[in-house]
Amino acid sequence: MHALGTEIGRALLAFDRAAQCVGIEGDLGAGKTTLVGGVLAAAGFEGPVRSPTYTLIEPYARADRTIYHLDLYRLADPGEVEPLGIRDLLVPGAILLIEWPSRGAGMLPRLDLEIHIGYRAPPESGREVSLVAGSEVGSDLLARLLQ
């Protein structure tokens, strides 16, 4: 998951236009935060990455852009998204990596890329990952990943 996250991070960092939103869905322990760690490694951040389960948003600032790691697992209602101020984070060059975006359904900005992580059967045989573009930016990201 970390290696895949690194490749996704490189693709995300190649674009410096409008903010990019990536949703990451998967069961507990599927590797969502590990994937985010790979994205952050591609951006030059070192050290452990913890899921912001309690803080909900964790910023990682570089001189040229900020990556926001969000975890919406604890939300009981999509209406709880608005007070988080996510719309204020949507500045050019920002990257939002949103774990559990389904918990904020209808209240989040459009996702440029949706990543779904699932277990293969039997679970010890690995993971399956699907990537779905949700916008033109997402289509560009997928094209870059396939190169």
N, C-alpha and C. Protein backbone atom coordinates (compact mmCIF):
# COMPACT_ATOMS: atom_id res chain seq x y z
N MET A 1 0.83 -1.19 0.00
CA MET A 1 0.00 0.00 0.00
C MET A 1 0.88 1.25 0.00
N HIS A 2 2.01 1.17 0.71
CA HIS A 2 2.90 2.33 0.77
C HIS A 2 3.46 2.65 -0.62
N ALA A 3 3.87 1.62 -1.36
CA ALA A 3 4.41 1.83 -2.70
C ALA A 3 3.36 2.41 -3.64
N LEU A 4 2.14 1.90 -3.55
CA LEU A 4 1.05 2.45 -4.36
C LEU A 4 0.80 3.91 -3.98
N GLY A 5 0.80 4.20 -2.69
CA GLY A 5 0.61 5.57 -2.23
C GLY A 5 1.70 6.50 -2.76
N THR A 6 2.92 6.00 -2.82
CA THR A 6 4.02 6.81 -3.35
C THR A 6 3.78 7.14 -4.82
N GLU A 7 3.34 6.17 -5.60
CA GLU A 7 3.04 6.43 -7.01
C GLU A 7 1.89 7.42 -7.16
N ILE A 8 0.86 7.26 -6.36
CA ILE A 8 -0.27 8.19 -6.39
C ILE A 8 0.21 9.58 -5.98
N GLY A 9 1.05 9.64 -4.97
CA GLY A 9 1.61 10.93 -4.52
C GLY A 9 2.37 11.63 -5.62
N ARG A 10 3.19 10.89 -6.35
CA ARG A 10 3.94 11.50 -7.46
C ARG A 10 2.99 12.08 -8.50
N ALA A 11 1.93 11.34 -8.80
CA ALA A 11 0.95 11.82 -9.78
C ALA A 11 0.24 13.08 -9.26
N LEU A 12 -0.15 13.08 -8.00
CA LEU A 12 -0.81 14.25 -7.41
C LEU A 12 0.09 15.47 -7.41
N LEU A 13 1.35 15.26 -7.08
CA LEU A 13 2.30 16.37 -6.99
C LEU A 13 2.68 16.94 -8.35
N ALA A 14 2.41 16.19 -9.41
CA ALA A 14 2.73 16.67 -10.76
C ALA A 14 1.77 17.77 -11.20
N PHE A 15 0.65 17.90 -10.51
CA PHE A 15 -0.34 18.93 -10.82
C PHE A 15 -0.29 20.01 -9.76
N ASP A 16 -0.28 21.26 -10.19
CA ASP A 16 -0.26 22.34 -9.20
C ASP A 16 -1.42 23.30 -9.41
N ARG A 17 -2.45 22.83 -10.03
CA ARG A 17 -3.60 23.68 -10.28
C ARG A 17 -4.54 23.64 -9.08
N ALA A 18 -5.81 23.61 -9.32
CA ALA A 18 -6.80 23.64 -8.25
C ALA A 18 -6.56 22.53 -7.23
N ALA A 19 -7.16 22.68 -6.07
CA ALA A 19 -7.06 21.67 -5.02
C ALA A 19 -7.53 20.32 -5.56
N GLN A 20 -6.92 19.26 -5.06
CA GLN A 20 -7.28 17.91 -5.46
C GLN A 20 -7.84 17.17 -4.25
N CYS A 21 -8.93 16.46 -4.47
CA CYS A 21 -9.56 15.70 -3.38
C CYS A 21 -9.56 14.22 -3.73
N VAL A 22 -9.02 13.43 -2.82
CA VAL A 22 -8.93 11.99 -3.01
C VAL A 22 -9.65 11.32 -1.85
N GLY A 23 -10.62 10.48 -2.18
CA GLY A 23 -11.32 9.71 -1.17
C GLY A 23 -10.75 8.31 -1.08
N ILE A 24 -10.59 7.82 0.15
CA ILE A 24 -10.00 6.50 0.35
C ILE A 24 -10.95 5.70 1.25
N GLU A 25 -11.54 4.66 0.68
CA GLU A 25 -12.47 3.80 1.41
C GLU A 25 -11.86 2.43 1.59
N GLY A 26 -12.21 1.79 2.68
CA GLY A 26 -11.77 0.42 2.94
C GLY A 26 -12.07 0.07 4.38
N ASP A 27 -12.14 -1.22 4.64
CA ASP A 27 -12.39 -1.68 6.00
C ASP A 27 -11.28 -1.24 6.94
N LEU A 28 -11.54 -1.33 8.24
CA LEU A 28 -10.51 -1.06 9.23
C LEU A 28 -9.32 -1.98 8.98
N GLY A 29 -8.14 -1.42 8.99
CA GLY A 29 -6.93 -2.21 8.80
C GLY A 29 -6.60 -2.56 7.35
N ALA A 30 -7.36 -2.01 6.41
CA ALA A 30 -7.14 -2.36 5.00
C ALA A 30 -5.90 -1.70 4.41
N GLY A 31 -5.40 -0.63 5.03
CA GLY A 31 -4.20 0.01 4.53
C GLY A 31 -4.39 1.45 4.08
N LYS A 32 -5.48 2.07 4.47
CA LYS A 32 -5.76 3.45 4.06
C LYS A 32 -4.66 4.40 4.55
N THR A 33 -4.31 4.32 5.81
CA THR A 33 -3.30 5.23 6.36
C THR A 33 -1.91 4.89 5.81
N THR A 34 -1.64 3.63 5.55
CA THR A 34 -0.37 3.25 4.93
C THR A 34 -0.26 3.86 3.54
N LEU A 35 -1.37 3.84 2.80
CA LEU A 35 -1.38 4.46 1.48
C LEU A 35 -1.11 5.97 1.60
N VAL A 36 -1.74 6.62 2.56
CA VAL A 36 -1.50 8.05 2.79
C VAL A 36 -0.02 8.28 3.13
N GLY A 37 0.57 7.39 3.90
CA GLY A 37 1.99 7.50 4.22
C GLY A 37 2.86 7.49 2.97
N GLY A 38 2.47 6.70 1.98
CA GLY A 38 3.19 6.68 0.71
C GLY A 38 3.06 7.99 -0.03
N VAL A 39 1.87 8.57 -0.04
CA VAL A 39 1.66 9.87 -0.68
C VAL A 39 2.55 10.91 0.00
N LEU A 40 2.56 10.90 1.33
CA LEU A 40 3.37 11.87 2.07
C LEU A 40 4.87 11.64 1.83
N ALA A 41 5.28 10.39 1.71
CA ALA A 41 6.69 10.10 1.41
C ALA A 41 7.08 10.68 0.05
N ALA A 42 6.18 10.58 -0.93
CA ALA A 42 6.45 11.15 -2.25
C ALA A 42 6.63 12.66 -2.17
N ALA A 43 5.99 13.28 -1.17
CA ALA A 43 6.10 14.73 -0.99
C ALA A 43 7.27 15.11 -0.10
N GLY A 44 8.03 14.11 0.36
CA GLY A 44 9.22 14.40 1.16
C GLY A 44 9.02 14.38 2.66
N PHE A 45 7.85 13.96 3.12
CA PHE A 45 7.62 13.90 4.56
C PHE A 45 8.11 12.55 5.08
N GLU A 46 8.88 12.59 6.15
CA GLU A 46 9.41 11.38 6.75
C GLU A 46 8.78 11.16 8.11
N GLY A 47 8.89 9.96 8.58
CA GLY A 47 8.37 9.65 9.90
C GLY A 47 7.03 8.97 9.84
N PRO A 48 6.53 8.59 11.00
CA PRO A 48 5.27 7.84 11.05
C PRO A 48 4.08 8.72 10.70
N VAL A 49 3.11 8.10 10.08
CA VAL A 49 1.86 8.78 9.75
C VAL A 49 0.77 8.10 10.57
N ARG A 50 0.07 8.88 11.32
CA ARG A 50 -1.03 8.34 12.13
C ARG A 50 -2.34 8.84 11.56
N SER A 51 -3.32 7.98 11.59
CA SER A 51 -4.64 8.39 11.12
C SER A 51 -5.19 9.44 12.08
N PRO A 52 -5.67 10.55 11.56
CA PRO A 52 -6.21 11.59 12.45
C PRO A 52 -7.63 11.26 12.92
N THR A 53 -7.78 10.09 13.52
CA THR A 53 -9.08 9.63 13.96
C THR A 53 -9.70 10.58 14.99
N TYR A 54 -8.89 11.18 15.83
CA TYR A 54 -9.43 12.07 16.87
C TYR A 54 -9.31 13.54 16.51
N THR A 55 -8.25 13.91 15.80
CA THR A 55 -8.10 15.31 15.40
C THR A 55 -8.89 15.61 14.14
N LEU A 56 -9.25 14.59 13.38
CA LEU A 56 -10.02 14.63 12.14
C LEU A 56 -9.24 15.19 10.95
N ILE A 57 -8.39 16.20 11.15
CA ILE A 57 -7.60 16.76 10.06
C ILE A 57 -6.17 16.95 10.54
N GLU A 58 -5.23 16.45 9.74
CA GLU A 58 -3.81 16.63 10.04
C GLU A 58 -3.14 17.27 8.82
N PRO A 59 -2.64 18.50 8.97
CA PRO A 59 -1.97 19.15 7.83
C PRO A 59 -0.48 18.79 7.77
N TYR A 60 0.02 18.67 6.56
CA TYR A 60 1.44 18.46 6.30
C TYR A 60 1.85 19.55 5.32
N ALA A 61 2.55 20.57 5.81
CA ALA A 61 2.86 21.74 5.00
C ALA A 61 4.25 21.66 4.40
N ARG A 62 4.33 22.00 3.12
CA ARG A 62 5.58 22.20 2.42
C ARG A 62 5.61 23.67 2.01
N ALA A 63 6.73 24.11 1.50
CA ALA A 63 6.83 25.50 1.08
C ALA A 63 5.85 25.81 -0.05
N ASP A 64 5.63 24.83 -0.92
CA ASP A 64 4.82 25.10 -2.11
C ASP A 64 3.38 24.59 -2.03
N ARG A 65 3.06 23.76 -1.07
CA ARG A 65 1.69 23.25 -0.96
C ARG A 65 1.47 22.56 0.37
N THR A 66 0.21 22.29 0.66
CA THR A 66 -0.15 21.58 1.89
C THR A 66 -0.98 20.36 1.54
N ILE A 67 -0.65 19.26 2.20
CA ILE A 67 -1.43 18.04 2.07
C ILE A 67 -2.20 17.87 3.38
N TYR A 68 -3.51 17.66 3.26
CA TYR A 68 -4.36 17.47 4.43
C TYR A 68 -4.82 16.02 4.47
N HIS A 69 -4.59 15.38 5.60
CA HIS A 69 -5.03 14.01 5.81
C HIS A 69 -6.26 14.09 6.73
N LEU A 70 -7.40 13.66 6.22
CA LEU A 70 -8.64 13.71 6.97
C LEU A 70 -9.14 12.30 7.24
N ASP A 71 -9.72 12.09 8.40
CA ASP A 71 -10.31 10.81 8.74
C ASP A 71 -11.71 11.08 9.28
N LEU A 72 -12.71 10.68 8.53
CA LEU A 72 -14.10 10.97 8.91
C LEU A 72 -14.79 9.81 9.60
N TYR A 73 -14.02 8.81 10.02
CA TYR A 73 -14.59 7.60 10.62
C TYR A 73 -15.51 7.91 11.80
N ARG A 74 -15.15 8.85 12.63
CA ARG A 74 -15.90 9.13 13.85
C ARG A 74 -17.15 9.97 13.62
N LEU A 75 -17.38 10.46 12.41
CA LEU A 75 -18.56 11.27 12.17
C LEU A 75 -19.82 10.42 12.26
N ALA A 76 -20.80 10.93 12.97
CA ALA A 76 -22.06 10.21 13.11
C ALA A 76 -23.06 10.64 12.04
N ASP A 77 -22.82 11.82 11.46
CA ASP A 77 -23.76 12.38 10.49
C ASP A 77 -22.99 13.24 9.48
N PRO A 78 -23.34 13.18 8.20
CA PRO A 78 -22.65 14.00 7.22
C PRO A 78 -22.69 15.50 7.53
N GLY A 79 -23.69 15.94 8.27
CA GLY A 79 -23.80 17.35 8.65
C GLY A 79 -22.64 17.82 9.51
N GLU A 80 -21.88 16.88 10.08
CA GLU A 80 -20.74 17.25 10.91
C GLU A 80 -19.53 17.69 10.07
N VAL A 81 -19.61 17.55 8.76
CA VAL A 81 -18.50 17.94 7.89
C VAL A 81 -18.37 19.46 7.83
N GLU A 82 -19.47 20.16 7.72
CA GLU A 82 -19.43 21.62 7.52
C GLU A 82 -18.60 22.35 8.59
N PRO A 83 -18.76 22.05 9.87
CA PRO A 83 -17.95 22.77 10.88
C PRO A 83 -16.45 22.51 10.79
N LEU A 84 -16.04 21.49 10.03
CA LEU A 84 -14.61 21.20 9.89
C LEU A 84 -13.90 22.22 9.02
N GLY A 85 -14.65 22.97 8.23
CA GLY A 85 -14.05 24.01 7.39
C GLY A 85 -13.29 23.46 6.20
N ILE A 86 -13.73 22.33 5.68
CA ILE A 86 -13.02 21.71 4.56
C ILE A 86 -12.99 22.62 3.34
N ARG A 87 -14.05 23.36 3.10
CA ARG A 87 -14.08 24.26 1.93
C ARG A 87 -12.96 25.30 2.01
N ASP A 88 -12.56 25.69 3.21
CA ASP A 88 -11.48 26.66 3.37
C ASP A 88 -10.12 26.07 2.98
N LEU A 89 -10.03 24.76 2.93
CA LEU A 89 -8.78 24.09 2.58
C LEU A 89 -8.58 23.98 1.08
N LEU A 90 -9.62 24.25 0.31
CA LEU A 90 -9.60 24.05 -1.13
C LEU A 90 -8.93 25.22 -1.86
N VAL A 91 -7.65 25.38 -1.61
CA VAL A 91 -6.87 26.43 -2.27
C VAL A 91 -6.01 25.78 -3.35
N PRO A 92 -5.62 26.54 -4.37
CA PRO A 92 -4.79 25.94 -5.43
C PRO A 92 -3.56 25.25 -4.86
N GLY A 93 -3.31 24.04 -5.35
CA GLY A 93 -2.16 23.27 -4.92
C GLY A 93 -2.39 22.38 -3.72
N ALA A 94 -3.48 22.57 -2.99
CA ALA A 94 -3.75 21.74 -1.81
C ALA A 94 -4.18 20.34 -2.26
N ILE A 95 -3.82 19.36 -1.45
CA ILE A 95 -4.24 17.97 -1.68
C ILE A 95 -4.96 17.50 -0.43
N LEU A 96 -6.20 17.05 -0.59
CA LEU A 96 -6.97 16.51 0.53
C LEU A 96 -7.09 15.00 0.35
N LEU A 97 -6.59 14.26 1.32
CA LEU A 97 -6.67 12.80 1.34
C LEU A 97 -7.69 12.44 2.41
N ILE A 98 -8.85 11.98 1.99
CA ILE A 98 -9.99 11.82 2.90
C ILE A 98 -10.31 10.34 3.11
N GLU A 99 -10.00 9.84 4.31
CA GLU A 99 -10.39 8.48 4.66
C GLU A 99 -11.86 8.49 5.06
N TRP A 100 -12.57 7.45 4.67
CA TRP A 100 -13.98 7.28 4.98
C TRP A 100 -14.85 8.42 4.42
N PRO A 101 -14.69 8.79 3.15
CA PRO A 101 -15.50 9.88 2.61
C PRO A 101 -17.00 9.58 2.62
N SER A 102 -17.38 8.31 2.65
CA SER A 102 -18.80 7.96 2.70
C SER A 102 -19.47 8.52 3.94
N ARG A 103 -18.70 8.76 5.01
CA ARG A 103 -19.26 9.32 6.25
C ARG A 103 -19.65 10.78 6.08
N GLY A 104 -19.14 11.42 5.03
CA GLY A 104 -19.48 12.82 4.76
C GLY A 104 -20.25 12.97 3.46
N ALA A 105 -20.93 11.91 3.05
CA ALA A 105 -21.64 11.90 1.77
C ALA A 105 -22.56 13.11 1.61
N GLY A 106 -22.43 13.76 0.47
CA GLY A 106 -23.27 14.91 0.16
C GLY A 106 -22.76 16.23 0.70
N MET A 107 -21.76 16.18 1.57
CA MET A 107 -21.25 17.40 2.20
C MET A 107 -19.80 17.69 1.83
N LEU A 108 -19.17 16.78 1.12
CA LEU A 108 -17.77 16.95 0.72
C LEU A 108 -17.69 17.54 -0.68
N PRO A 109 -16.56 18.17 -0.99
CA PRO A 109 -16.36 18.59 -2.37
C PRO A 109 -16.29 17.35 -3.27
N ARG A 110 -16.47 17.55 -4.55
CA ARG A 110 -16.39 16.42 -5.48
C ARG A 110 -15.01 15.78 -5.38
N LEU A 111 -14.99 14.46 -5.33
CA LEU A 111 -13.73 13.73 -5.28
C LEU A 111 -13.16 13.60 -6.68
N ASP A 112 -11.90 13.99 -6.84
CA ASP A 112 -11.24 13.83 -8.13
C ASP A 112 -10.87 12.38 -8.36
N LEU A 113 -10.54 11.69 -7.28
CA LEU A 113 -10.14 10.30 -7.37
C LEU A 113 -10.70 9.55 -6.17
N GLU A 114 -11.30 8.39 -6.45
CA GLU A 114 -11.81 7.53 -5.38
C GLU A 114 -10.96 6.26 -5.38
N ILE A 115 -10.47 5.92 -4.20
CA ILE A 115 -9.67 4.71 -4.03
C ILE A 115 -10.43 3.79 -3.10
N HIS A 116 -10.66 2.57 -3.56
CA HIS A 116 -11.35 1.57 -2.75
C HIS A 116 -10.38 0.41 -2.50
N ILE A 117 -10.18 0.11 -1.23
CA ILE A 117 -9.27 -0.97 -0.84
C ILE A 117 -10.10 -2.08 -0.22
N GLY A 118 -9.95 -3.28 -0.73
CA GLY A 118 -10.68 -4.42 -0.20
C GLY A 118 -9.75 -5.60 0.01
N TYR A 119 -10.21 -6.53 0.79
CA TYR A 119 -9.45 -7.75 1.03
C TYR A 119 -9.78 -8.77 -0.04
N ARG A 120 -8.78 -9.50 -0.48
CA ARG A 120 -9.03 -10.64 -1.35
C ARG A 120 -9.52 -11.79 -0.49
N ALA A 121 -10.11 -12.78 -1.13
CA ALA A 121 -10.55 -13.95 -0.38
C ALA A 121 -9.57 -15.08 -0.65
N PRO A 122 -8.99 -15.70 0.30
CA PRO A 122 -9.03 -15.37 1.73
C PRO A 122 -8.21 -14.11 2.01
N PRO A 123 -8.51 -13.41 3.12
CA PRO A 123 -7.87 -12.13 3.41
C PRO A 123 -6.35 -12.15 3.43
N GLU A 124 -5.76 -13.25 3.83
CA GLU A 124 -4.29 -13.31 3.90
C GLU A 124 -3.65 -13.34 2.51
N SER A 125 -4.46 -13.39 1.45
CA SER A 125 -3.90 -13.40 0.09
C SER A 125 -3.69 -11.99 -0.47
N GLY A 126 -3.94 -10.98 0.33
CA GLY A 126 -3.62 -9.61 -0.10
C GLY A 126 -4.84 -8.71 -0.23
N ARG A 127 -4.63 -7.62 -0.94
CA ARG A 127 -5.66 -6.59 -1.09
C ARG A 127 -5.98 -6.39 -2.57
N GLU A 128 -7.15 -5.87 -2.81
CA GLU A 128 -7.55 -5.40 -4.14
C GLU A 128 -7.80 -3.91 -4.03
N VAL A 129 -7.31 -3.18 -5.02
CA VAL A 129 -7.47 -1.73 -5.02
C VAL A 129 -8.09 -1.31 -6.33
N SER A 130 -9.11 -0.47 -6.25
CA SER A 130 -9.67 0.12 -7.47
C SER A 130 -9.57 1.63 -7.37
N LEU A 131 -9.30 2.24 -8.50
CA LEU A 131 -9.20 3.70 -8.59
C LEU A 131 -10.22 4.17 -9.61
N VAL A 132 -11.03 5.15 -9.21
CA VAL A 132 -12.08 5.66 -10.09
C VAL A 132 -11.96 7.18 -10.16
N ALA A 133 -11.88 7.68 -11.39
CA ALA A 133 -11.82 9.13 -11.58
C ALA A 133 -13.21 9.72 -11.38
N GLY A 134 -13.26 10.86 -10.68
CA GLY A 134 -14.53 11.53 -10.44
C GLY A 134 -14.59 12.89 -11.11
N SER A 135 -13.53 13.23 -11.84
CA SER A 135 -13.46 14.54 -12.49
C SER A 135 -12.42 14.47 -13.61
N GLU A 136 -12.29 15.57 -14.33
CA GLU A 136 -11.25 15.64 -15.36
C GLU A 136 -9.86 15.54 -14.73
N VAL A 137 -9.69 16.17 -13.58
CA VAL A 137 -8.41 16.08 -12.86
C VAL A 137 -8.14 14.63 -12.50
N GLY A 138 -9.16 13.93 -12.03
CA GLY A 138 -9.01 12.51 -11.70
C GLY A 138 -8.65 11.67 -12.90
N SER A 139 -9.23 11.97 -14.04
CA SER A 139 -8.89 11.26 -15.28
C SER A 139 -7.43 11.50 -15.64
N ASP A 140 -6.97 12.75 -15.48
CA ASP A 140 -5.57 13.07 -15.74
C ASP A 140 -4.65 12.32 -14.78
N LEU A 141 -5.07 12.22 -13.51
CA LEU A 141 -4.26 11.48 -12.52
C LEU A 141 -4.15 10.00 -12.92
N LEU A 142 -5.28 9.40 -13.30
CA LEU A 142 -5.25 8.00 -13.69
C LEU A 142 -4.37 7.79 -14.93
N ALA A 143 -4.46 8.69 -15.88
CA ALA A 143 -3.62 8.58 -17.08
C ALA A 143 -2.15 8.66 -16.71
N ARG A 144 -1.80 9.54 -15.79
CA ARG A 144 -0.41 9.66 -15.35
C ARG A 144 0.03 8.39 -14.63
N LEU A 145 -0.84 7.80 -13.83
CA LEU A 145 -0.49 6.57 -13.11
C LEU A 145 -0.28 5.40 -14.06
N LEU A 146 -0.99 5.39 -15.17
CA LEU A 146 -0.89 4.29 -16.12
C LEU A 146 0.31 4.40 -17.05
N GLN A 147 0.98 5.55 -17.04
CA GLN A 147 2.17 5.74 -17.90
C GLN A 147 3.33 4.92 -17.41
